[in-house]
Amino acid sequence: MARTNDTMMNPPIEELLDRTDSKFSLVTLAARRARQINSYFNQLGDGLGHMVPPQVSSIARKPLSISFEEIAADKIVPVPVAVAVVEEAAADEADTAV
């Protein structure tokens, strides 16, 4: 019989790790998004409106908790850097070949 450990973290870390390839990727993704959410909340009074608001409705107050919920809901996904570099190199080669 499989037993799950109850933790205070919601969403569970196991669920979040399934959406990334490593713990480092998860931490980096969540921290970057938390900074964006924090910037969004800080600029609300300025009326600038150039930051992306949180993509999930949450009762959490902390930007990091909100970013974890976004990751769990598949609203925020990691984009591999190597893929972007390869695509950029292919575009550069196509430009020079013409």
N, C-alpha and C. Protein backbone atom coordinates (compact mmCIF):
# COMPACT_ATOMS: atom_id res chain seq x y z
N MET A 1 0.84 -1.17 0.00
CA MET A 1 0.00 0.00 0.00
C MET A 1 0.89 1.24 0.00
N ALA A 2 0.71 2.09 -0.99
CA ALA A 2 1.51 3.30 -1.09
C ALA A 2 0.98 4.35 -0.13
N ARG A 3 1.90 4.98 0.55
CA ARG A 3 1.51 5.99 1.52
C ARG A 3 2.13 7.31 1.10
N THR A 4 1.33 8.34 1.06
CA THR A 4 1.84 9.66 0.72
C THR A 4 2.06 10.45 1.99
N ASN A 5 3.09 11.24 1.98
CA ASN A 5 3.37 12.09 3.13
C ASN A 5 2.61 13.39 2.99
N ASP A 6 1.90 13.75 4.04
CA ASP A 6 1.19 15.02 4.03
C ASP A 6 2.19 16.13 4.35
N THR A 7 2.19 17.15 3.51
CA THR A 7 3.07 18.29 3.76
C THR A 7 2.23 19.55 3.73
N MET A 8 2.82 20.62 4.18
CA MET A 8 2.13 21.90 4.17
C MET A 8 2.21 22.56 2.79
N MET A 9 3.07 22.06 1.95
CA MET A 9 3.24 22.68 0.64
C MET A 9 2.13 22.25 -0.31
N ASN A 10 1.49 23.24 -0.89
CA ASN A 10 0.45 22.97 -1.86
C ASN A 10 0.68 23.90 -3.04
N PRO A 11 0.94 23.42 -4.22
CA PRO A 11 0.92 22.05 -4.70
C PRO A 11 2.13 21.24 -4.22
N PRO A 12 2.00 19.93 -4.17
CA PRO A 12 3.09 19.08 -3.69
C PRO A 12 4.32 19.18 -4.59
N ILE A 13 5.49 19.08 -4.00
CA ILE A 13 6.75 19.21 -4.73
C ILE A 13 6.87 18.15 -5.81
N GLU A 14 6.35 16.95 -5.57
CA GLU A 14 6.43 15.89 -6.56
C GLU A 14 5.69 16.27 -7.83
N GLU A 15 4.54 16.92 -7.66
CA GLU A 15 3.74 17.36 -8.81
C GLU A 15 4.50 18.43 -9.61
N LEU A 16 5.18 19.31 -8.91
CA LEU A 16 5.95 20.36 -9.58
C LEU A 16 7.17 19.80 -10.31
N LEU A 17 7.83 18.83 -9.69
CA LEU A 17 9.03 18.24 -10.31
C LEU A 17 8.68 17.48 -11.59
N ASP A 18 7.45 16.98 -11.69
CA ASP A 18 7.03 16.29 -12.91
C ASP A 18 6.95 17.23 -14.10
N ARG A 19 6.86 18.52 -13.85
CA ARG A 19 6.71 19.50 -14.92
C ARG A 19 8.04 20.11 -15.38
N THR A 20 9.12 19.78 -14.70
CA THR A 20 10.44 20.27 -15.09
C THR A 20 11.41 19.10 -15.15
N ASP A 21 12.59 19.35 -15.70
CA ASP A 21 13.55 18.25 -15.84
C ASP A 21 14.49 18.12 -14.64
N SER A 22 14.50 19.13 -13.75
CA SER A 22 15.36 19.04 -12.57
C SER A 22 14.87 20.00 -11.49
N LYS A 23 15.39 19.82 -10.29
CA LYS A 23 15.07 20.73 -9.19
C LYS A 23 15.56 22.14 -9.51
N PHE A 24 16.74 22.22 -10.12
CA PHE A 24 17.31 23.52 -10.48
C PHE A 24 16.39 24.26 -11.45
N SER A 25 15.87 23.56 -12.44
CA SER A 25 14.96 24.18 -13.40
C SER A 25 13.70 24.68 -12.72
N LEU A 26 13.19 23.90 -11.81
CA LEU A 26 11.99 24.29 -11.07
C LEU A 26 12.23 25.55 -10.26
N VAL A 27 13.33 25.59 -9.54
CA VAL A 27 13.65 26.74 -8.70
C VAL A 27 13.85 27.99 -9.56
N THR A 28 14.57 27.84 -10.66
CA THR A 28 14.83 28.97 -11.54
C THR A 28 13.54 29.50 -12.16
N LEU A 29 12.71 28.60 -12.66
CA LEU A 29 11.44 28.99 -13.27
C LEU A 29 10.54 29.69 -12.26
N ALA A 30 10.41 29.11 -11.08
CA ALA A 30 9.53 29.69 -10.05
C ALA A 30 10.06 31.04 -9.57
N ALA A 31 11.36 31.16 -9.40
CA ALA A 31 11.94 32.42 -8.92
C ALA A 31 11.77 33.54 -9.95
N ARG A 32 12.01 33.23 -11.22
CA ARG A 32 11.83 34.24 -12.27
C ARG A 32 10.39 34.71 -12.34
N ARG A 33 9.47 33.76 -12.30
CA ARG A 33 8.05 34.13 -12.38
C ARG A 33 7.62 34.89 -11.13
N ALA A 34 8.14 34.52 -9.96
CA ALA A 34 7.80 35.22 -8.72
C ALA A 34 8.26 36.68 -8.80
N ARG A 35 9.44 36.92 -9.39
CA ARG A 35 9.92 38.30 -9.56
C ARG A 35 8.98 39.08 -10.49
N GLN A 36 8.50 38.42 -11.55
CA GLN A 36 7.58 39.08 -12.47
C GLN A 36 6.26 39.42 -11.77
N ILE A 37 5.75 38.49 -10.97
CA ILE A 37 4.50 38.73 -10.23
C ILE A 37 4.69 39.86 -9.23
N ASN A 38 5.81 39.87 -8.55
CA ASN A 38 6.11 40.93 -7.59
C ASN A 38 6.16 42.28 -8.29
N SER A 39 6.79 42.33 -9.44
CA SER A 39 6.85 43.58 -10.22
C SER A 39 5.45 44.01 -10.66
N TYR A 40 4.64 43.05 -11.04
CA TYR A 40 3.27 43.36 -11.44
C TYR A 40 2.51 44.02 -10.29
N PHE A 41 2.58 43.43 -9.10
CA PHE A 41 1.87 43.99 -7.96
C PHE A 41 2.43 45.36 -7.58
N ASN A 42 3.72 45.56 -7.71
CA ASN A 42 4.34 46.84 -7.37
C ASN A 42 3.97 47.95 -8.35
N GLN A 43 3.71 47.64 -9.60
CA GLN A 43 3.40 48.66 -10.59
C GLN A 43 1.90 48.91 -10.74
N LEU A 44 1.06 48.22 -9.98
CA LEU A 44 -0.38 48.38 -10.13
C LEU A 44 -0.84 49.83 -9.93
N GLY A 45 -0.30 50.50 -8.94
CA GLY A 45 -0.70 51.88 -8.66
C GLY A 45 -0.22 52.86 -9.70
N ASP A 46 0.81 52.50 -10.46
CA ASP A 46 1.36 53.41 -11.46
C ASP A 46 0.53 53.45 -12.74
N GLY A 47 -0.30 52.46 -12.97
CA GLY A 47 -1.12 52.42 -14.16
C GLY A 47 -0.36 52.08 -15.43
N LEU A 48 0.84 51.50 -15.30
CA LEU A 48 1.64 51.20 -16.48
C LEU A 48 1.09 50.00 -17.24
N GLY A 49 0.75 48.92 -16.54
CA GLY A 49 0.11 47.77 -17.14
C GLY A 49 0.93 47.00 -18.15
N HIS A 50 2.25 46.96 -18.00
CA HIS A 50 3.07 46.23 -18.95
C HIS A 50 3.54 44.88 -18.43
N MET A 51 3.17 44.53 -17.22
CA MET A 51 3.57 43.25 -16.64
C MET A 51 2.39 42.27 -16.74
N VAL A 52 2.72 40.97 -16.88
CA VAL A 52 1.69 39.93 -16.99
C VAL A 52 1.16 39.62 -15.59
N PRO A 53 -0.16 39.70 -15.40
CA PRO A 53 -0.73 39.39 -14.08
C PRO A 53 -0.66 37.90 -13.78
N PRO A 54 -0.90 37.51 -12.53
CA PRO A 54 -0.94 36.08 -12.20
C PRO A 54 -1.96 35.36 -13.08
N GLN A 55 -1.60 34.16 -13.52
CA GLN A 55 -2.42 33.40 -14.45
C GLN A 55 -3.39 32.44 -13.78
N VAL A 56 -3.39 32.39 -12.45
CA VAL A 56 -4.32 31.55 -11.69
C VAL A 56 -4.94 32.40 -10.59
N SER A 57 -6.15 32.07 -10.21
CA SER A 57 -6.72 32.75 -9.05
C SER A 57 -6.23 31.99 -7.82
N SER A 58 -5.74 32.74 -6.86
CA SER A 58 -5.10 32.12 -5.71
C SER A 58 -5.41 32.90 -4.45
N ILE A 59 -5.43 32.18 -3.34
CA ILE A 59 -5.57 32.85 -2.05
C ILE A 59 -4.20 33.14 -1.44
N ALA A 60 -3.16 32.65 -2.11
CA ALA A 60 -1.80 32.87 -1.63
C ALA A 60 -1.44 34.35 -1.76
N ARG A 61 -0.64 34.83 -0.83
CA ARG A 61 -0.22 36.22 -0.87
C ARG A 61 1.21 36.37 -1.38
N LYS A 62 1.97 35.32 -1.31
CA LYS A 62 3.38 35.41 -1.68
C LYS A 62 3.55 35.09 -3.17
N PRO A 63 4.35 35.90 -3.87
CA PRO A 63 4.56 35.66 -5.30
C PRO A 63 5.13 34.28 -5.62
N LEU A 64 5.99 33.75 -4.77
CA LEU A 64 6.56 32.43 -5.03
C LEU A 64 5.48 31.35 -4.95
N SER A 65 4.58 31.45 -4.01
CA SER A 65 3.48 30.49 -3.91
C SER A 65 2.58 30.56 -5.14
N ILE A 66 2.32 31.77 -5.61
CA ILE A 66 1.50 31.95 -6.81
C ILE A 66 2.20 31.34 -8.01
N SER A 67 3.52 31.54 -8.11
CA SER A 67 4.26 30.98 -9.25
C SER A 67 4.25 29.46 -9.22
N PHE A 68 4.35 28.85 -8.04
CA PHE A 68 4.25 27.39 -7.94
C PHE A 68 2.87 26.91 -8.40
N GLU A 69 1.82 27.65 -8.04
CA GLU A 69 0.47 27.27 -8.47
C GLU A 69 0.33 27.39 -9.99
N GLU A 70 0.95 28.40 -10.58
CA GLU A 70 0.92 28.56 -12.03
C GLU A 70 1.64 27.39 -12.72
N ILE A 71 2.76 26.98 -12.17
CA ILE A 71 3.51 25.85 -12.73
C ILE A 71 2.67 24.58 -12.64
N ALA A 72 2.04 24.36 -11.49
CA ALA A 72 1.21 23.16 -11.30
C ALA A 72 0.02 23.15 -12.26
N ALA A 73 -0.49 24.33 -12.61
CA ALA A 73 -1.63 24.43 -13.52
C ALA A 73 -1.20 24.46 -14.98
N ASP A 74 0.10 24.29 -15.24
CA ASP A 74 0.66 24.33 -16.60
C ASP A 74 0.43 25.66 -17.30
N LYS A 75 0.32 26.74 -16.53
CA LYS A 75 0.19 28.08 -17.12
C LYS A 75 1.58 28.66 -17.42
N ILE A 76 2.58 28.22 -16.68
CA ILE A 76 3.96 28.63 -16.87
C ILE A 76 4.76 27.37 -17.14
N VAL A 77 5.45 27.34 -18.26
CA VAL A 77 6.23 26.15 -18.63
C VAL A 77 7.66 26.56 -18.95
N PRO A 78 8.61 25.67 -18.66
CA PRO A 78 10.01 25.98 -18.98
C PRO A 78 10.26 25.88 -20.49
N VAL A 79 11.10 26.76 -20.98
CA VAL A 79 11.51 26.72 -22.38
C VAL A 79 13.00 26.42 -22.39
N PRO A 80 13.39 25.29 -22.97
CA PRO A 80 14.81 24.93 -22.98
C PRO A 80 15.62 25.96 -23.76
N VAL A 81 16.71 26.41 -23.16
CA VAL A 81 17.57 27.42 -23.77
C VAL A 81 18.25 26.85 -25.01
N ALA A 82 18.64 25.60 -24.97
CA ALA A 82 19.34 24.99 -26.10
C ALA A 82 18.48 25.03 -27.36
N VAL A 83 17.19 24.85 -27.24
CA VAL A 83 16.30 24.89 -28.39
C VAL A 83 16.30 26.28 -29.01
N ALA A 84 16.24 27.30 -28.18
CA ALA A 84 16.23 28.67 -28.69
C ALA A 84 17.54 29.00 -29.39
N VAL A 85 18.66 28.53 -28.85
CA VAL A 85 19.97 28.79 -29.45
C VAL A 85 20.09 28.08 -30.80
N VAL A 86 19.62 26.85 -30.89
CA VAL A 86 19.67 26.08 -32.14
C VAL A 86 18.80 26.75 -33.20
N GLU A 87 17.60 27.18 -32.82
CA GLU A 87 16.71 27.84 -33.77
C GLU A 87 17.31 29.15 -34.27
N GLU A 88 17.95 29.90 -33.38
CA GLU A 88 18.59 31.15 -33.76
C GLU A 88 19.75 30.90 -34.71
N ALA A 89 20.55 29.87 -34.44
CA ALA A 89 21.68 29.53 -35.31
C ALA A 89 21.17 29.10 -36.68
N ALA A 90 20.09 28.36 -36.74
CA ALA A 90 19.53 27.92 -38.02
C ALA A 90 19.02 29.12 -38.81
N ALA A 91 18.42 30.07 -38.14
CA ALA A 91 17.93 31.28 -38.81
C ALA A 91 19.10 32.10 -39.35
N ASP A 92 20.20 32.17 -38.59
CA ASP A 92 21.39 32.91 -39.04
C ASP A 92 22.00 32.24 -40.26
N GLU A 93 22.05 30.92 -40.27
CA GLU A 93 22.59 30.19 -41.42
C GLU A 93 21.72 30.40 -42.65
N ALA A 94 20.40 30.43 -42.46
CA ALA A 94 19.50 30.65 -43.58
C ALA A 94 19.69 32.05 -44.17
N ASP A 95 19.93 33.03 -43.30
CA ASP A 95 20.16 34.39 -43.77
C ASP A 95 21.45 34.54 -44.55
N THR A 96 22.49 33.86 -44.12
CA THR A 96 23.78 33.97 -44.80
C THR A 96 23.82 33.13 -46.07
N ALA A 97 22.98 32.13 -46.19
CA ALA A 97 22.96 31.28 -47.36
C ALA A 97 22.29 31.97 -48.55
N VAL A 98 21.47 32.95 -48.29
CA VAL A 98 20.72 33.63 -49.35
C VAL A 98 21.57 34.62 -50.08
